[in-house]
Each structure stands twice: as C-alpha cells, then as structure tokens.
Amino acid sequence: MQGSEILIAQAQHKNELVHQLHEQAYETEFKQLDNNQVTKAIEYLLENPHFGFFYIYTENHHIFGQILMTKEYNIYSGLTCWFQSVYVKKDHRQRGIFKQMYKEFMKYAAKEKAAGTKLYVEVENKNAIKVYEKLGMIRTEETIFEDDFVFHPVKIINLGQDCVTRTSSNKKELEDLLKKGKSILGNDLTQQLQIEYCLNNNKNAFIITESQTDYLIGLYFIEFSDWRNGIILWFYDFVSSTYNNGIISIMMSNMLNQIKHKKIKLNPEVKGIRILVDRSKGQRLEQLLEVIGLKESHYYIYYQKSD
C-alpha cells in the first residue's frame, strides 16, 4: 500500500467525509441522510474535536476509509472510547484497511488510559460483526432502548405527576446523591467513584435529578451524532429509593418528555435518547422503559478492554 497513511481528519477532508457517511448510512441501514445537516455536523466536529474526531486511511492523498472516535466519561469506569461511522470504500475492502485504523484507535485508547473501547453495530450487519469478533471484541449483554428524534421518533407516555428536573455537575452534590441509594443496575457504590476525573474532562453536566425530592434519575454521557447533527444522551444508570414502587417510571417519563420538547436544553441540540440496559442484571428496568414508550434498538454492543 504505497503512499498510505492513517491521519486525523482536517478541514480539507470534509467533503469526502460527508460523501462516505452517505454511502455508509445507505449501505448499512438504507438511510438517506440530509446532506446539509451532515455537512454541518462534520464542520462542527472538525472545529470541536472534544466531541469526536475521525481517523482516516489515505493512499496518495485519497481517502479510502474512516472511523469516528467519541468518548464516554463514566463515574464508575472512567474513560471509554467508542468508535462509529466505520467505513471502507468497497473497492478497497479485504486489504486490512480497517484493521490498520483500528490499531491506531487502540493505541490512542491505551495512551488516554481508557478502560476499553466499545461500538454498536446493526444486528443484520453480519460481515462487520465477524470482523469485530475476529479482532477480539466481545459482544456484551447490554442492549439499547431509545427514542431517535430524527429517524424513528416514538411517543413517550406521560404518566402524570409532573416532576421538575435539573442537571448538576457539583462534585459534593453528586457524591451525596449517589450515596443515598444503591444502583439498581448492580454497580458497587463503595468502590472509588471517578467523579472528579469526569468533571475535569467532560464539559457537560452529567446527572439529572428530580428537584423536589433530590432523587437521582440518571447519569448520562453525550455522543455527538454525525448523522443527525446534534447530540444523543446516553443514560447508563438509574438510582432511586422509589424504584421498586414505580415512582421512578413517572420521574423518567417526565424527564424524557422535557428533553424531547426542549424544556431541558443542551448545546448542541439533543437529537435522541438512548438508555443502556444490561440484561444480566434482570429485566425490571426494561419493563419500565417499555411502559413509558421507549423502544429496543436494532444494535448489538461490542467491547474490548484496553491494553
């Protein structure tokens, strides 16, 4: 592969990145993307790399492959690097191009001391799944419940008793809230929580609470979506002493409705909600999410621990 390089994309690569995202979306999920929105999204990412950046594979200055890297800051495990928008042009496949980009990605994750790397993949994309498994990635027991405001919006059911929610990034407040209850997903709250690390690295608030009771509704991280030109909120935990009697369903339905109707405003604009559910922890949370209207996605999640 004479004249080949793995680079981090810059402004001059914008048009080809946009073109390959269109090809990838149609090939993997038969989606027709809004060219104006995708172009704006790529421009935003190139100007704000803390939300994510592209590794690109080039030969003689032509781009033949790309991976988008985004970061999750988690108070339990620290940093996880996600990769998405994986694409290699058809006439350059079966040449190890993805593997080369993946190696660079893993070097970056190790340098950043990430706990590991993750991706989500369309369940019918069998070829991609074979590649990820061959690289040593392992399918997790996590699944995604979601409301995608752009492609597949769902009606989130309002269960009444409106709650006023707020976000917070105050370290002492976070610690106190977490100590009030045990995580329903089984995380051990006695372990060292990396709250200060997350606050120092993640510039966005990452909890939402019900303001009158101070019950912690959710911990979340932010993904910038190049397909949607906006952010997706990924919730990865729920803590509440009201969980077992169903009040948490009311709190969650109100929170999600407020996000969807832009009463909780974040910048960039929220374009979707995803909730990670670990099936090994039981089905109680899945049932609650179905009650309030969220739908299970069509993605598997794969994980590899960093070296």
Protein backbone atom coordinates (compact mmCIF):
# COMPACT_ATOMS: atom_id res chain seq x y z
CA MET A 1 0.00 0.00 0.00
CA GLN A 2 2.46 2.54 -1.26
CA GLY A 3 1.93 6.09 -0.05
CA SER A 4 -0.64 5.05 2.62
CA GLU A 5 -1.16 6.86 5.94
CA ILE A 6 -3.51 6.89 8.93
CA LEU A 7 -4.31 10.52 9.73
CA ILE A 8 -6.67 12.55 11.90
CA ALA A 9 -9.09 14.31 9.54
CA GLN A 10 -8.74 18.05 8.99
CA ALA A 11 -10.90 20.71 7.31
CA GLN A 12 -9.67 19.82 3.81
CA HIS A 13 -11.10 16.31 4.21
CA LYS A 14 -14.66 17.50 4.91
CA ASN A 15 -16.28 16.77 1.54
CA GLU A 16 -15.00 13.20 1.34
CA LEU A 17 -16.05 12.51 4.95
CA VAL A 18 -19.57 13.70 4.12
CA HIS A 19 -19.64 11.57 0.97
CA GLN A 20 -18.54 8.42 2.79
CA LEU A 21 -21.09 8.96 5.58
CA HIS A 22 -23.85 8.99 2.95
CA GLU A 23 -22.51 5.76 1.48
CA GLN A 24 -22.19 4.12 4.88
CA ALA A 25 -25.69 5.09 6.06
CA TYR A 26 -27.34 3.74 2.95
CA GLU A 27 -25.29 0.55 2.78
CA THR A 28 -25.70 -0.40 6.46
CA GLU A 29 -29.19 0.86 7.31
CA PHE A 30 -30.73 2.07 3.99
CA LYS A 31 -30.93 5.59 5.39
CA GLN A 32 -30.88 8.69 3.20
CA LEU A 33 -29.10 11.42 5.18
CA ASP A 34 -29.78 15.15 4.97
CA ASN A 35 -26.70 16.45 3.19
CA ASN A 36 -26.94 19.91 4.73
CA GLN A 37 -27.17 18.53 8.27
CA VAL A 38 -24.33 16.02 7.76
CA THR A 39 -22.09 18.76 6.33
CA LYS A 40 -22.82 20.99 9.33
CA ALA A 41 -22.14 18.07 11.67
CA ILE A 42 -18.75 17.35 10.10
CA GLU A 43 -17.84 21.03 10.25
CA TYR A 44 -18.81 21.11 13.94
CA LEU A 45 -16.75 18.02 14.77
CA LEU A 46 -13.69 19.37 12.94
CA GLU A 47 -13.98 22.58 14.97
CA ASN A 48 -14.81 20.81 18.29
CA PRO A 49 -12.66 17.67 18.46
CA HIS A 50 -13.51 17.12 22.17
CA PHE A 51 -16.84 15.75 20.84
CA GLY A 52 -15.04 13.37 18.49
CA PHE A 53 -12.58 13.11 15.64
CA PHE A 54 -12.06 10.98 12.53
CA TYR A 55 -9.20 8.63 11.78
CA ILE A 56 -8.86 8.35 8.01
CA TYR A 57 -6.92 5.94 5.80
CA THR A 58 -5.34 7.60 2.78
CA GLU A 59 -3.38 6.42 -0.23
CA ASN A 60 -1.66 9.09 -2.27
CA HIS A 61 -3.81 11.72 -0.51
CA HIS A 62 -7.12 10.00 -1.37
CA ILE A 63 -9.37 8.83 1.50
CA PHE A 64 -10.49 5.21 1.40
CA GLY A 65 -11.58 4.59 4.99
CA GLN A 66 -12.70 6.35 8.17
CA ILE A 67 -13.56 5.79 11.85
CA LEU A 68 -15.18 8.35 14.15
CA MET A 69 -13.86 8.29 17.74
CA THR A 70 -16.08 9.60 20.57
CA LYS A 71 -15.59 9.48 24.35
CA GLU A 72 -17.70 8.36 27.27
CA TYR A 73 -16.79 9.63 30.73
CA ASN A 74 -18.23 7.26 33.31
CA ILE A 75 -18.04 7.82 37.06
CA TYR A 76 -17.57 4.08 37.64
CA SER A 77 -15.03 3.09 34.99
CA GLY A 78 -13.55 6.40 33.85
CA LEU A 79 -12.97 6.84 30.12
CA THR A 80 -14.33 4.54 27.42
CA CYS A 81 -13.56 5.24 23.76
CA TRP A 82 -16.34 4.48 21.30
CA PHE A 83 -15.82 4.11 17.59
CA GLN A 84 -18.53 4.50 14.99
CA SER A 85 -19.21 5.60 11.41
CA VAL A 86 -16.81 2.86 10.33
CA TYR A 87 -16.46 2.75 6.55
CA VAL A 88 -14.05 1.41 3.95
CA LYS A 89 -14.78 2.03 0.28
CA LYS A 90 -15.97 -1.11 -1.49
CA ASP A 91 -13.09 -1.38 -3.95
CA HIS A 92 -10.56 -1.23 -1.06
CA ARG A 93 -12.04 -3.89 1.23
CA GLN A 94 -10.34 -7.16 2.21
CA ARG A 95 -6.99 -5.33 2.32
CA GLY A 96 -6.64 -4.84 6.08
CA ILE A 97 -7.51 -1.13 6.00
CA PHE A 98 -9.99 -1.27 8.87
CA LYS A 99 -7.51 -3.30 10.92
CA GLN A 100 -4.86 -0.59 10.46
CA MET A 101 -7.26 2.15 11.57
CA TYR A 102 -8.40 0.01 14.48
CA LYS A 103 -4.80 -0.44 15.68
CA GLU A 104 -4.33 3.35 15.69
CA PHE A 105 -7.59 3.71 17.58
CA MET A 106 -6.47 1.19 20.22
CA LYS A 107 -3.11 2.95 20.59
CA TYR A 108 -4.96 6.18 21.28
CA ALA A 109 -7.26 4.49 23.82
CA ALA A 110 -4.25 3.00 25.63
CA LYS A 111 -2.44 6.35 25.65
CA GLU A 112 -5.53 8.02 27.14
CA LYS A 113 -5.71 5.20 29.73
CA ALA A 114 -9.21 4.29 28.61
CA ALA A 115 -10.87 1.37 30.38
CA GLY A 116 -11.76 -0.04 26.99
CA THR A 117 -13.35 0.52 23.63
CA LYS A 118 -16.93 -0.01 22.52
CA LEU A 119 -19.02 0.10 19.39
CA TYR A 120 -22.62 -0.51 18.46
CA VAL A 121 -23.40 -2.35 15.25
CA GLU A 122 -26.57 -3.06 13.25
CA VAL A 123 -27.69 -6.61 14.13
CA GLU A 124 -28.01 -7.55 10.45
CA ASN A 125 -24.52 -6.34 9.55
CA LYS A 126 -23.07 -9.86 9.75
CA ASN A 127 -19.86 -9.07 7.87
CA ALA A 128 -18.94 -6.25 10.25
CA ILE A 129 -19.75 -8.40 13.27
CA LYS A 130 -17.40 -11.13 12.00
CA VAL A 131 -14.60 -8.57 11.62
CA TYR A 132 -15.08 -7.19 15.15
CA GLU A 133 -15.15 -10.66 16.69
CA LYS A 134 -12.03 -11.63 14.75
CA LEU A 135 -10.27 -8.63 16.30
CA GLY A 136 -11.12 -9.94 19.77
CA MET A 137 -14.10 -7.76 20.56
CA ILE A 138 -16.76 -9.42 22.70
CA ARG A 139 -20.50 -8.87 22.47
CA THR A 140 -21.82 -7.52 25.76
CA GLU A 141 -25.15 -8.29 27.41
CA GLU A 142 -26.12 -4.64 27.06
CA THR A 143 -28.95 -3.51 24.84
CA ILE A 144 -30.18 -0.05 23.90
CA PHE A 145 -33.65 1.40 24.45
CA GLU A 146 -34.08 4.61 22.51
CA ASP A 147 -36.06 7.48 21.12
CA ASP A 148 -34.40 8.72 17.94
CA PHE A 149 -35.92 12.15 17.24
CA VAL A 150 -34.67 12.22 13.63
CA PHE A 151 -35.18 8.76 12.14
CA HIS A 152 -37.55 6.78 14.37
CA PRO A 153 -39.24 9.04 16.93
CA VAL A 154 -41.52 7.36 19.46
CA LYS A 155 -44.21 8.76 21.70
CA ILE A 156 -43.00 8.82 25.29
CA ILE A 157 -46.00 8.23 27.52
CA ASN A 158 -46.61 10.87 30.19
CA LEU A 159 -47.63 9.09 33.38
CA GLY A 160 -48.68 12.30 35.15
CA GLN A 161 -47.48 13.97 38.35
CA ASP A 162 -45.12 16.36 36.61
CA CYS A 163 -41.65 16.48 38.09
CA VAL A 164 -39.24 19.37 37.80
CA THR A 165 -35.81 18.15 36.80
CA ARG A 166 -32.39 19.75 36.85
CA THR A 167 -28.85 18.92 35.87
CA SER A 168 -25.84 19.22 38.12
CA SER A 169 -22.08 18.93 37.91
CA ASN A 170 -21.24 19.76 41.53
CA LYS A 171 -18.87 17.13 42.91
CA LYS A 172 -20.13 17.16 46.51
CA GLU A 173 -23.74 17.07 45.37
CA LEU A 174 -23.03 14.13 43.07
CA GLU A 175 -21.33 12.17 45.84
CA ASP A 176 -24.21 12.81 48.24
CA LEU A 177 -26.83 11.82 45.69
CA LEU A 178 -25.04 8.58 44.84
CA LYS A 179 -24.72 7.63 48.49
CA LYS A 180 -28.47 7.95 49.01
CA GLY A 181 -29.32 4.76 47.17
CA LYS A 182 -27.88 1.63 45.70
CA SER A 183 -27.65 1.39 41.94
CA ILE A 184 -30.43 -0.74 40.51
CA LEU A 185 -28.05 -1.97 37.83
CA GLY A 186 -25.76 -3.53 40.39
CA ASN A 187 -22.81 -1.13 40.45
CA ASP A 188 -20.93 -1.21 43.74
CA LEU A 189 -21.18 2.29 45.16
CA THR A 190 -18.48 1.52 47.72
CA GLN A 191 -15.83 1.50 45.01
CA GLN A 192 -13.86 4.63 44.24
CA LEU A 193 -16.01 6.86 42.06
CA GLN A 194 -14.17 8.87 39.43
CA ILE A 195 -16.42 11.92 39.77
CA GLU A 196 -13.64 14.50 39.83
CA TYR A 197 -12.00 12.94 36.76
CA CYS A 198 -15.26 13.11 34.83
CA LEU A 199 -15.95 16.69 35.88
CA ASN A 200 -12.46 17.75 34.83
CA ASN A 201 -12.74 16.09 31.42
CA ASN A 202 -16.40 16.23 30.49
CA LYS A 203 -17.56 19.83 29.99
CA ASN A 204 -21.24 18.92 30.22
CA ALA A 205 -23.34 18.24 33.31
CA PHE A 206 -23.97 14.55 33.57
CA ILE A 207 -26.76 13.89 36.04
CA ILE A 208 -30.44 14.70 36.04
CA THR A 209 -32.37 14.74 39.30
CA GLU A 210 -35.95 15.36 40.38
CA SER A 211 -35.54 18.71 42.08
CA GLN A 212 -38.16 18.42 44.84
CA THR A 213 -37.12 15.03 46.20
CA ASP A 214 -33.48 15.15 45.03
CA TYR A 215 -33.78 11.63 43.72
CA LEU A 216 -31.13 10.90 41.13
CA ILE A 217 -32.87 9.93 37.90
CA GLY A 218 -29.95 9.29 35.60
CA LEU A 219 -26.26 9.51 34.87
CA TYR A 220 -25.52 10.21 31.25
CA PHE A 221 -22.82 10.79 28.70
CA ILE A 222 -23.04 12.68 25.43
CA GLU A 223 -22.43 11.40 21.91
CA PHE A 224 -22.28 13.82 19.02
CA SER A 225 -24.07 12.20 16.06
CA ASP A 226 -22.66 12.99 12.65
CA TRP A 227 -25.78 11.50 11.02
CA ARG A 228 -28.11 13.82 12.97
CA ASN A 229 -26.03 16.99 13.55
CA GLY A 230 -26.72 17.00 17.27
CA ILE A 231 -26.17 15.11 20.48
CA ILE A 232 -27.60 11.87 21.79
CA LEU A 233 -27.90 11.48 25.55
CA TRP A 234 -26.83 8.01 26.67
CA PHE A 235 -28.11 7.14 30.14
CA TYR A 236 -26.18 4.37 31.82
CA ASP A 237 -27.53 4.20 35.34
CA PHE A 238 -30.57 4.97 37.47
CA VAL A 239 -30.59 5.33 41.22
CA SER A 240 -33.70 5.87 43.31
CA SER A 241 -35.18 4.58 46.55
CA THR A 242 -38.56 4.92 44.77
CA TYR A 243 -37.60 2.46 42.05
CA ASN A 244 -39.46 -0.57 43.31
CA ASN A 245 -42.81 1.13 43.77
CA GLY A 246 -42.95 2.59 40.29
CA ILE A 247 -42.50 6.29 41.04
CA ILE A 248 -39.24 6.14 39.07
CA SER A 249 -41.36 5.49 35.95
CA ILE A 250 -43.20 8.77 36.48
CA MET A 251 -39.93 10.63 37.04
CA MET A 252 -38.34 9.11 33.96
CA SER A 253 -41.33 9.76 31.70
CA ASN A 254 -41.40 13.40 32.73
CA MET A 255 -37.65 13.79 32.27
CA LEU A 256 -37.71 12.26 28.78
CA ASN A 257 -40.70 14.34 27.72
CA GLN A 258 -38.93 17.51 28.90
CA ILE A 259 -35.84 16.59 26.89
CA LYS A 260 -37.87 15.76 23.79
CA HIS A 261 -39.85 19.01 23.99
CA LYS A 262 -36.67 21.04 24.59
CA LYS A 263 -37.56 22.07 28.14
CA ILE A 264 -34.14 20.73 29.18
CA LYS A 265 -31.82 22.49 26.75
CA LEU A 266 -28.30 21.46 25.89
CA ASN A 267 -25.91 22.73 23.25
CA PRO A 268 -25.69 21.27 20.61
CA GLU A 269 -29.36 20.34 20.30
CA VAL A 270 -30.48 16.95 21.62
CA LYS A 271 -31.47 14.67 18.73
CA GLY A 272 -32.08 11.43 20.60
CA ILE A 273 -32.11 9.47 23.85
CA ARG A 274 -30.53 6.08 24.42
CA ILE A 275 -30.59 4.05 27.62
CA LEU A 276 -28.12 1.21 28.15
CA VAL A 277 -29.64 -1.83 29.81
CA ASP A 278 -27.53 -4.75 30.97
CA ARG A 279 -29.70 -7.83 30.63
CA SER A 280 -27.53 -9.76 33.07
CA LYS A 281 -28.92 -7.50 35.82
CA GLY A 282 -32.54 -8.56 35.28
CA GLN A 283 -35.48 -7.29 33.27
CA ARG A 284 -37.09 -4.82 35.67
CA LEU A 285 -35.66 -1.71 34.00
CA GLU A 286 -36.55 -2.97 30.51
CA GLN A 287 -40.17 -3.34 31.60
CA LEU A 288 -40.26 0.21 32.95
CA LEU A 289 -38.78 1.61 29.75
CA GLU A 290 -41.38 -0.20 27.66
CA VAL A 291 -44.13 1.19 29.90
CA ILE A 292 -43.07 4.77 29.20
CA GLY A 293 -42.80 4.16 25.45
CA LEU A 294 -39.12 3.63 24.63
CA LYS A 295 -38.29 1.00 22.00
CA GLU A 296 -35.49 -1.54 21.92
CA SER A 297 -32.95 -0.69 19.22
CA HIS A 298 -31.56 -2.92 16.48
CA TYR A 299 -27.93 -2.72 17.64
CA TYR A 300 -25.51 -5.06 19.37
CA ILE A 301 -22.76 -3.61 21.55
CA TYR A 302 -19.21 -4.96 21.37
CA TYR A 303 -16.40 -4.26 23.83
CA GLN A 304 -12.66 -4.75 24.13
CA LYS A 305 -10.59 -3.93 27.18
CA SER A 306 -7.65 -1.62 26.59
CA ASP A 307 -4.11 -2.94 26.96
